[in-house]
Amino acid sequence: MEDKIKIDFDKAFKNYSSDDELNFKKNNLEYFIKNGFPGRKLESWKFSDLNQIINKNIGELNFFTDIKKEISTNKNYITKNIDHNKIVFINGILEEVDFSFEDKDKIIISKEVDTSTKINSENSLLNLNNAFCKNFYKITISQNYSMKRPLIIYHVSTDNLSSTTLNSQLNFILEENSSLKVVDIYDDKSEKNFINTFYNFILKENAILKNYKIDKSQNSNIKYSYNNIDQSTNSISETFILSNGSKFLKNEINCNLKGQYSSAFINGVFSLDSDKHHEIRTSINHLVENTKSYQLIKSVLDDKSKSVYQGKIYVSPDAQKTDGYQLSKCILLDKNTEFNAKPELEIYADDVKCSHGSASGSLNENSIFYLRSRGLNYKQAKKLLISGFFLDVIEKITDEEIKNFIKKTMELNQ
């Protein structure tokens, strides 16, 4: 794929607001062209060769789109029964921002490119996002303000789009003692596109972030989502991932615990079939004393599907009294499915409590026999066991409204 990346610089940058922005975009594009889409040569992509996946499922990509956007954003969503604020991306372009449930002076929205940011030369997909993202928005939640209703971010792609890259980016700042709930929902009408999303969260002292990512819509798109989370003293981040609908999806979470008593919780479920391939990769960096992280990832795989979990806990020499935990489990419903787990601990402090584990296997036939003896048929018994397996993760969600919404979305037995 790398030798096919030929991009018209004049077309790419015909509209820009300043020389600094132009140079920022050009530099990022040069890094992307140099490195291309990531492949197996990179340790972080050893299980999910994106270069090969794009070649196989899409072929040559178009890096520009001027597709007209005609779609209603006010009805027929599965979230219609939840009062919520919203941001709507259509074909990678931010089309609507609505914080009507909030105090207007407490949410500050600015359109700007932070051209002083050091270019990340290790992740070509972030370079691609920086180069082609049409809108750079920073959303600040003011000090001592807790948002009254969730913010739902809709990522919509229309059915007249194919073989195209879509790049979107948002930057969030949660000031001291503020809180934010974000729900990401992908509503795909398009097929065979590459969708690249980047979020940056900065959590100040005592801030609370809850981010729920839902990929349920069945589609043939290839997706990459990257969250960077920087946390100050006594802040809390909670991330939940439902990975189900797309042909390929990789969610990557990089969390930096920079303040004492900060905590990060990452939970996720893969529910895959039809030859889908999904991955979650996490990096939790404990950088100071008295920080905590917890990760629980579960997979149910059927019909030649594949899931990957790469989870790393890094503990710096200054991070004494770290408490880090991660666990991944998988149920394989078909002999042709594949589960790959790579748990990592990199510890440079001696007063810590860290553990990791991974397990996979088939459904327990004794449990199925027991349920069938109580009047359930095989299909009902199987569904009940899978629901119980997933509910262990879903119950970790601390917001009751979102928890019930996700249970309904997954059609779990309750």
Protein backbone atom coordinates (compact mmCIF):
# COMPACT_ATOMS: atom_id res chain seq x y z
CA MET A 1 0.00 0.00 0.00
CA GLU A 2 2.84 2.36 0.84
CA ASP A 3 4.08 2.69 -2.74
CA LYS A 4 0.55 3.62 -3.84
CA ILE A 5 0.22 6.63 -1.54
CA LYS A 6 0.44 9.55 -3.91
CA ILE A 7 -1.35 12.67 -2.73
CA ASP A 8 -1.82 16.01 -4.47
CA PHE A 9 -0.49 18.54 -1.92
CA ASP A 10 -2.16 21.50 -3.65
CA LYS A 11 -5.55 19.78 -3.55
CA ALA A 12 -5.03 18.70 0.04
CA PHE A 13 -4.24 22.19 1.32
CA LYS A 14 -6.11 24.57 -0.96
CA ASN A 15 -7.93 26.06 2.08
CA TYR A 16 -6.11 26.85 5.31
CA SER A 17 -6.39 29.57 7.93
CA SER A 18 -2.70 30.31 8.55
CA ASP A 19 0.85 29.45 7.56
CA ASP A 20 1.29 27.65 10.90
CA GLU A 21 -1.72 25.43 10.17
CA LEU A 22 -0.51 24.77 6.64
CA ASN A 23 2.95 23.72 7.85
CA PHE A 24 1.44 21.59 10.61
CA LYS A 25 -0.70 19.72 8.11
CA LYS A 26 2.07 19.36 5.54
CA ASN A 27 4.50 18.00 8.12
CA ASN A 28 1.96 15.44 9.32
CA LEU A 29 1.19 14.41 5.76
CA GLU A 30 4.87 13.93 5.01
CA TYR A 31 5.20 11.61 8.02
CA PHE A 32 2.17 9.63 6.86
CA ILE A 33 3.43 9.27 3.29
CA LYS A 34 6.83 8.20 4.61
CA ASN A 35 5.45 5.52 6.98
CA GLY A 36 2.22 4.49 5.24
CA PHE A 37 -0.49 2.41 6.84
CA PRO A 38 0.85 0.30 9.74
CA GLY A 39 1.69 -3.37 9.17
CA ARG A 40 3.13 -6.38 10.99
CA LYS A 41 6.61 -4.87 11.20
CA LEU A 42 5.25 -2.76 14.05
CA GLU A 43 4.86 -4.65 17.33
CA SER A 44 1.61 -2.83 18.09
CA TRP A 45 0.12 -4.11 14.80
CA LYS A 46 1.48 -7.67 14.81
CA PHE A 47 -2.03 -9.19 15.08
CA SER A 48 -3.89 -6.70 12.87
CA ASP A 49 -1.97 -5.70 9.74
CA LEU A 50 -3.93 -2.61 8.64
CA ASN A 51 -1.97 -2.26 5.41
CA GLN A 52 -3.02 -5.77 4.40
CA ILE A 53 -6.60 -5.36 5.66
CA ILE A 54 -7.15 -2.21 3.56
CA ASN A 55 -5.62 -3.83 0.48
CA LYS A 56 -7.85 -6.89 0.84
CA ASN A 57 -11.14 -5.18 1.71
CA ILE A 58 -10.97 -1.77 0.04
CA GLY A 59 -8.03 -1.47 -2.33
CA GLU A 60 -6.85 2.00 -3.30
CA LEU A 61 -8.24 4.79 -1.11
CA ASN A 62 -9.35 8.30 -1.99
CA PHE A 63 -8.13 10.89 0.54
CA PHE A 64 -10.60 13.62 -0.45
CA THR A 65 -14.37 13.82 -0.30
CA ASP A 66 -16.82 16.53 -1.29
CA ILE A 67 -19.86 14.27 -1.00
CA LYS A 68 -23.03 16.25 -0.39
CA LYS A 69 -24.47 15.48 3.04
CA GLU A 70 -28.23 15.03 3.18
CA ILE A 71 -29.38 13.25 6.31
CA SER A 72 -31.69 13.94 9.23
CA THR A 73 -29.97 13.98 12.60
CA ASN A 74 -33.07 14.37 14.76
CA LYS A 75 -34.94 11.09 14.53
CA ASN A 76 -34.76 7.33 14.08
CA TYR A 77 -31.70 6.94 16.28
CA ILE A 78 -31.59 4.20 18.89
CA THR A 79 -30.92 6.96 21.45
CA LYS A 80 -34.20 8.77 20.84
CA ASN A 81 -35.47 7.87 24.34
CA ILE A 82 -32.46 9.42 26.07
CA ASP A 83 -32.33 13.18 26.59
CA HIS A 84 -28.87 14.19 25.44
CA ASN A 85 -26.60 16.81 24.00
CA LYS A 86 -25.10 15.92 20.64
CA ILE A 87 -22.31 16.40 18.18
CA VAL A 88 -22.86 15.04 14.67
CA PHE A 89 -20.14 14.12 12.21
CA ILE A 90 -21.34 13.33 8.69
CA ASN A 91 -18.74 11.79 6.41
CA GLY A 92 -16.02 12.97 8.78
CA ILE A 93 -17.16 16.61 8.81
CA LEU A 94 -18.63 18.20 11.94
CA GLU A 95 -22.15 19.29 11.00
CA GLU A 96 -23.99 19.92 14.27
CA VAL A 97 -23.16 20.88 17.87
CA ASP A 98 -26.02 21.01 20.37
CA PHE A 99 -25.55 21.52 24.13
CA SER A 100 -29.14 22.62 24.73
CA PHE A 101 -29.39 20.79 28.08
CA GLU A 102 -26.44 22.66 29.59
CA ASP A 103 -25.69 26.08 31.02
CA LYS A 104 -24.34 27.85 27.97
CA ASP A 105 -21.58 29.72 29.80
CA LYS A 106 -20.18 26.47 31.23
CA ILE A 107 -19.36 24.84 27.87
CA ILE A 108 -16.70 26.67 25.87
CA ILE A 109 -16.26 25.61 22.24
CA SER A 110 -13.40 26.95 20.15
CA LYS A 111 -12.18 26.12 16.66
CA GLU A 112 -8.43 25.97 16.59
CA VAL A 113 -5.44 23.89 15.58
CA ASP A 114 -2.75 23.45 18.22
CA THR A 115 0.17 23.76 15.81
CA SER A 116 2.63 23.74 18.73
CA THR A 117 1.85 20.09 19.43
CA LYS A 118 4.84 17.87 18.82
CA ILE A 119 4.17 15.65 15.81
CA ASN A 120 3.84 11.99 16.78
CA SER A 121 6.13 10.24 14.32
CA GLU A 122 5.33 6.80 15.80
CA ASN A 123 1.67 6.65 14.76
CA SER A 124 1.09 7.33 11.07
CA LEU A 125 -2.70 7.21 11.54
CA LEU A 126 -2.55 10.23 13.85
CA ASN A 127 -0.43 11.96 11.21
CA LEU A 128 -3.12 11.11 8.63
CA ASN A 129 -5.82 12.49 10.93
CA ASN A 130 -3.94 15.74 11.58
CA ALA A 131 -3.29 16.22 7.86
CA PHE A 132 -6.86 15.68 6.61
CA CYS A 133 -9.17 16.49 9.51
CA LYS A 134 -11.50 19.28 8.30
CA ASN A 135 -12.45 20.66 11.73
CA PHE A 136 -10.30 21.05 14.86
CA TYR A 137 -12.52 21.79 17.85
CA LYS A 138 -11.65 22.19 21.52
CA ILE A 139 -14.47 21.71 24.05
CA THR A 140 -13.87 22.92 27.61
CA ILE A 141 -16.06 21.94 30.55
CA SER A 142 -15.78 24.74 33.09
CA GLN A 143 -14.49 24.39 36.62
CA ASN A 144 -16.96 22.91 39.16
CA TYR A 145 -19.51 22.05 36.43
CA SER A 146 -21.02 18.59 35.97
CA MET A 147 -22.89 18.15 32.71
CA LYS A 148 -26.58 17.51 33.26
CA ARG A 149 -27.08 15.12 30.35
CA PRO A 150 -24.77 12.86 28.30
CA LEU A 151 -23.03 14.09 25.16
CA ILE A 152 -23.72 11.67 22.31
CA ILE A 153 -21.36 11.92 19.35
CA TYR A 154 -22.83 10.49 16.15
CA HIS A 155 -20.41 9.32 13.48
CA VAL A 156 -22.62 9.10 10.38
CA SER A 157 -21.50 7.94 6.94
CA THR A 158 -23.84 8.14 3.94
CA ASP A 159 -24.56 5.47 1.35
CA ASN A 160 -23.06 7.49 -1.54
CA LEU A 161 -19.55 7.17 -0.12
CA SER A 162 -17.01 4.39 -0.69
CA SER A 163 -13.23 3.76 -0.81
CA THR A 164 -12.55 7.03 1.03
CA THR A 165 -10.72 8.05 4.22
CA LEU A 166 -12.78 9.94 6.81
CA ASN A 167 -10.87 11.74 9.58
CA SER A 168 -12.40 13.39 12.64
CA GLN A 169 -10.88 14.84 15.79
CA LEU A 170 -12.04 16.41 19.05
CA ASN A 171 -10.09 17.83 22.00
CA PHE A 172 -11.68 17.98 25.44
CA ILE A 173 -10.51 19.83 28.54
CA LEU A 174 -12.23 19.00 31.83
CA GLU A 175 -11.39 21.72 34.32
CA GLU A 176 -11.11 21.11 38.09
CA ASN A 177 -14.11 19.31 39.66
CA SER A 178 -15.94 18.97 36.33
CA SER A 179 -17.52 15.86 34.80
CA LEU A 180 -18.45 14.67 31.31
CA LYS A 181 -20.25 11.62 29.92
CA VAL A 182 -19.58 10.90 26.22
CA VAL A 183 -21.29 8.20 24.15
CA ASP A 184 -19.84 7.46 20.69
CA ILE A 185 -22.26 5.86 18.25
CA TYR A 186 -21.38 4.82 14.69
CA ASP A 187 -24.30 4.99 12.26
CA ASP A 188 -22.94 3.55 9.01
CA LYS A 189 -24.83 3.71 5.74
CA SER A 190 -21.61 3.56 3.72
CA GLU A 191 -19.46 0.55 2.84
CA LYS A 192 -15.72 0.00 2.39
CA ASN A 193 -14.30 3.23 3.77
CA PHE A 194 -11.48 3.87 6.24
CA ILE A 195 -12.76 5.84 9.25
CA ASN A 196 -10.09 7.38 11.50
CA THR A 197 -11.11 9.06 14.79
CA PHE A 198 -8.90 10.80 17.35
CA TYR A 199 -9.89 12.19 20.77
CA ASN A 200 -7.64 13.96 23.26
CA PHE A 201 -8.88 14.34 26.85
CA ILE A 202 -7.17 16.47 29.50
CA LEU A 203 -8.58 15.85 32.99
CA LYS A 204 -7.69 18.42 35.63
CA GLU A 205 -7.83 17.79 39.38
CA ASN A 206 -10.95 15.86 40.56
CA ALA A 207 -12.38 15.70 37.01
CA ILE A 208 -14.46 12.69 35.94
CA LEU A 209 -14.72 11.34 32.39
CA LYS A 210 -17.03 8.53 31.28
CA ASN A 211 -16.69 7.48 27.63
CA TYR A 212 -18.83 4.73 26.06
CA LYS A 213 -18.01 3.58 22.52
CA ILE A 214 -20.72 1.65 20.63
CA ASP A 215 -20.03 -0.01 17.28
CA LYS A 216 -23.25 -1.92 16.57
CA SER A 217 -24.25 -0.97 13.01
CA GLN A 218 -23.40 -3.80 10.58
CA ASN A 219 -21.08 -2.57 7.83
CA SER A 220 -17.95 -3.33 5.80
CA ASN A 221 -15.98 -0.26 6.88
CA ILE A 222 -12.46 -0.35 8.33
CA LYS A 223 -12.10 1.78 11.49
CA TYR A 224 -9.42 3.05 13.83
CA SER A 225 -10.18 4.99 17.02
CA TYR A 226 -7.51 6.52 19.26
CA ASN A 227 -8.11 8.07 22.70
CA ASN A 228 -5.37 9.90 24.56
CA ILE A 229 -6.24 10.65 28.19
CA ASP A 230 -4.03 12.76 30.49
CA GLN A 231 -5.14 12.71 34.15
CA SER A 232 -4.30 14.97 37.06
CA THR A 233 -4.67 14.40 40.80
CA ASN A 234 -7.74 12.46 41.97
CA SER A 235 -9.26 12.34 38.47
CA ILE A 236 -11.20 9.33 37.17
CA SER A 237 -11.66 8.01 33.64
CA GLU A 238 -14.05 5.20 32.72
CA THR A 239 -14.03 3.77 29.19
CA PHE A 240 -16.38 1.08 27.86
CA ILE A 241 -16.19 -0.42 24.36
CA LEU A 242 -18.86 -2.44 22.54
CA SER A 243 -17.10 -3.87 19.48
CA ASN A 244 -19.51 -5.59 17.12
CA GLY A 245 -20.64 -4.09 13.81
CA SER A 246 -17.73 -3.16 11.54
CA LYS A 247 -15.65 -5.40 9.28
CA PHE A 248 -12.52 -4.24 11.13
CA LEU A 249 -12.18 -2.00 14.16
CA LYS A 250 -9.22 -1.17 16.37
CA ASN A 251 -9.79 0.87 19.52
CA GLU A 252 -6.61 2.20 21.07
CA ILE A 253 -6.55 3.84 24.51
CA ASN A 254 -3.44 5.61 25.83
CA CYS A 255 -3.91 6.80 29.41
CA ASN A 256 -1.33 8.80 31.37
CA LEU A 257 -1.91 8.87 35.13
CA LYS A 258 0.07 12.00 36.00
CA GLY A 259 -1.53 12.93 39.33
CA GLN A 260 -1.67 11.04 42.61
CA TYR A 261 -4.87 9.09 43.33
CA SER A 262 -5.93 9.21 39.68
CA SER A 263 -7.72 6.11 38.35
CA ALA A 264 -8.45 4.59 34.95
CA PHE A 265 -11.03 1.88 34.24
CA ILE A 266 -11.28 0.25 30.80
CA ASN A 267 -13.86 -2.45 30.08
CA GLY A 268 -14.93 -3.89 26.74
CA VAL A 269 -16.77 -6.67 24.94
CA PHE A 270 -16.25 -8.20 21.52
CA SER A 271 -19.35 -9.87 20.03
CA LEU A 272 -18.21 -10.98 16.58
CA ASP A 273 -19.20 -13.21 13.69
CA SER A 274 -19.11 -13.19 9.86
CA ASP A 275 -15.32 -13.09 9.52
CA LYS A 276 -14.99 -9.79 11.44
CA HIS A 277 -11.67 -8.75 12.95
CA HIS A 278 -11.59 -6.37 15.94
CA GLU A 279 -8.90 -5.27 18.38
CA ILE A 280 -8.55 -3.32 21.61
CA ARG A 281 -5.09 -2.06 22.56
CA THR A 282 -4.52 -0.26 25.84
CA SER A 283 -1.51 1.47 27.38
CA ILE A 284 -1.93 2.56 31.01
CA ASN A 285 1.03 4.60 32.18
CA HIS A 286 1.36 4.95 35.97
CA LEU A 287 3.70 7.92 36.33
CA VAL A 288 3.33 8.96 39.99
CA GLU A 289 2.53 7.36 43.35
CA ASN A 290 -0.88 6.04 44.41
CA THR A 291 -2.59 5.48 41.06
CA LYS A 292 -4.99 2.71 40.05
CA SER A 293 -6.09 0.99 36.84
CA TYR A 294 -8.54 -1.82 36.11
CA GLN A 295 -9.17 -3.53 32.76
CA LEU A 296 -11.62 -6.31 31.87
CA ILE A 297 -12.13 -7.42 28.25
CA LYS A 298 -14.42 -10.29 27.13
CA SER A 299 -14.97 -11.82 23.69
CA VAL A 300 -17.55 -14.15 22.15
CA LEU A 301 -16.47 -15.25 18.68
CA ASP A 302 -18.35 -17.14 15.97
CA ASP A 303 -18.13 -17.82 12.24
CA LYS A 304 -14.42 -17.26 11.46
CA SER A 305 -14.19 -14.02 13.45
CA LYS A 306 -11.05 -12.79 15.23
CA SER A 307 -10.47 -10.60 18.30
CA VAL A 308 -7.26 -9.19 19.70
CA TYR A 309 -6.51 -7.65 23.09
CA GLN A 310 -3.15 -6.03 23.73
CA GLY A 311 -3.00 -4.53 27.20
CA LYS A 312 0.05 -2.90 28.74
CA ILE A 313 0.54 -1.58 32.27
CA TYR A 314 3.62 0.61 32.63
CA VAL A 315 4.82 1.61 36.11
CA SER A 316 7.54 4.26 36.28
CA PRO A 317 10.22 4.29 39.03
CA ASP A 318 8.31 7.15 40.72
CA ALA A 319 4.99 5.27 40.77
CA GLN A 320 5.17 3.45 44.10
CA LYS A 321 1.92 2.07 45.53
CA THR A 322 0.48 1.45 42.06
CA ASP A 323 -2.54 -0.86 41.83
CA GLY A 324 -2.92 -2.28 38.31
CA TYR A 325 -5.15 -5.13 37.12
CA GLN A 326 -6.09 -6.55 33.72
CA LEU A 327 -7.94 -9.67 32.59
CA SER A 328 -9.17 -10.94 29.23
CA LYS A 329 -11.48 -13.90 28.57
CA CYS A 330 -12.89 -15.39 25.39
CA ILE A 331 -15.56 -17.91 24.38
CA LEU A 332 -14.93 -19.56 21.01
CA LEU A 333 -18.17 -20.77 19.41
CA ASP A 334 -16.52 -22.00 16.20
CA LYS A 335 -13.28 -23.93 15.68
CA ASN A 336 -12.27 -21.45 12.95
CA THR A 337 -12.36 -18.41 15.26
CA GLU A 338 -9.21 -16.83 16.67
CA PHE A 339 -8.42 -14.97 19.88
CA ASN A 340 -5.06 -13.30 20.48
CA ALA A 341 -4.08 -11.79 23.82
CA LYS A 342 -0.87 -9.99 24.70
CA PRO A 343 -0.91 -8.82 28.33
CA GLU A 344 2.15 -6.82 29.39
CA LEU A 345 3.53 -5.54 32.67
CA GLU A 346 6.52 -3.18 32.61
CA ILE A 347 7.33 -2.31 36.21
CA TYR A 348 10.20 -0.18 37.53
CA ALA A 349 8.89 0.33 41.10
CA ASP A 350 8.96 -2.24 43.91
CA ASP A 351 5.98 -1.30 46.11
CA VAL A 352 3.19 -2.15 43.66
CA LYS A 353 0.26 -4.53 43.22
CA CYS A 354 -0.12 -5.52 39.56
CA SER A 355 -1.59 -8.59 37.89
CA HIS A 356 -2.74 -9.79 34.49
CA GLY A 357 -4.40 -12.88 33.07
CA SER A 358 -6.02 -14.34 29.97
CA ALA A 359 -8.18 -17.39 29.27
CA SER A 360 -10.16 -18.81 26.35
CA GLY A 361 -12.35 -21.85 25.71
CA SER A 362 -15.73 -23.08 24.49
CA LEU A 363 -19.10 -22.90 26.22
CA ASN A 364 -19.41 -25.18 29.24
CA GLU A 365 -21.38 -28.21 28.06
CA ASN A 366 -22.28 -29.16 31.64
CA SER A 367 -23.92 -25.75 32.11
CA ILE A 368 -25.83 -26.18 28.85
CA PHE A 369 -26.97 -29.65 29.94
CA TYR A 370 -28.14 -28.25 33.28
CA LEU A 371 -30.14 -25.45 31.65
CA ARG A 372 -31.70 -27.85 29.16
CA SER A 373 -32.74 -30.08 32.05
CA ARG A 374 -34.62 -27.06 33.41
CA GLY A 375 -36.69 -26.70 30.24
CA LEU A 376 -34.58 -24.49 27.94
CA ASN A 377 -33.70 -25.62 24.43
CA TYR A 378 -30.08 -25.52 23.24
CA LYS A 379 -30.36 -22.09 21.60
CA GLN A 380 -31.94 -20.55 24.70
CA ALA A 381 -29.34 -22.11 26.99
CA LYS A 382 -26.51 -20.86 24.81
CA LYS A 383 -27.92 -17.31 24.73
CA LEU A 384 -28.38 -17.28 28.51
CA LEU A 385 -24.78 -18.35 29.15
CA ILE A 386 -23.41 -15.74 26.72
CA SER A 387 -25.56 -13.03 28.34
CA GLY A 388 -24.20 -13.94 31.76
CA PHE A 389 -20.65 -13.89 30.42
CA PHE A 390 -21.10 -10.36 29.03
CA LEU A 391 -23.10 -9.00 31.96
CA ASP A 392 -20.05 -9.37 34.19
CA VAL A 393 -18.48 -6.57 32.11
CA ILE A 394 -21.64 -4.51 31.55
CA GLU A 395 -22.27 -4.29 35.29
CA LYS A 396 -18.98 -2.41 35.66
CA ILE A 397 -20.62 0.59 33.95
CA THR A 398 -21.29 3.14 36.68
CA ASP A 399 -23.99 5.15 34.90
CA GLU A 400 -27.32 3.33 35.26
CA GLU A 401 -29.03 4.99 32.29
CA ILE A 402 -26.17 4.19 29.92
CA LYS A 403 -25.83 0.69 31.39
CA ASN A 404 -29.49 -0.09 30.67
CA PHE A 405 -29.19 1.44 27.21
CA ILE A 406 -26.21 -0.80 26.39
CA LYS A 407 -28.01 -3.88 27.74
CA LYS A 408 -30.94 -3.08 25.46
CA THR A 409 -28.60 -2.45 22.52
CA MET A 410 -26.95 -5.84 23.05
CA GLU A 411 -30.31 -7.56 23.64
CA LEU A 412 -29.00 -9.17 26.82
CA ASN A 413 -31.17 -11.18 29.15
CA GLN A 414 -31.71 -9.18 32.31
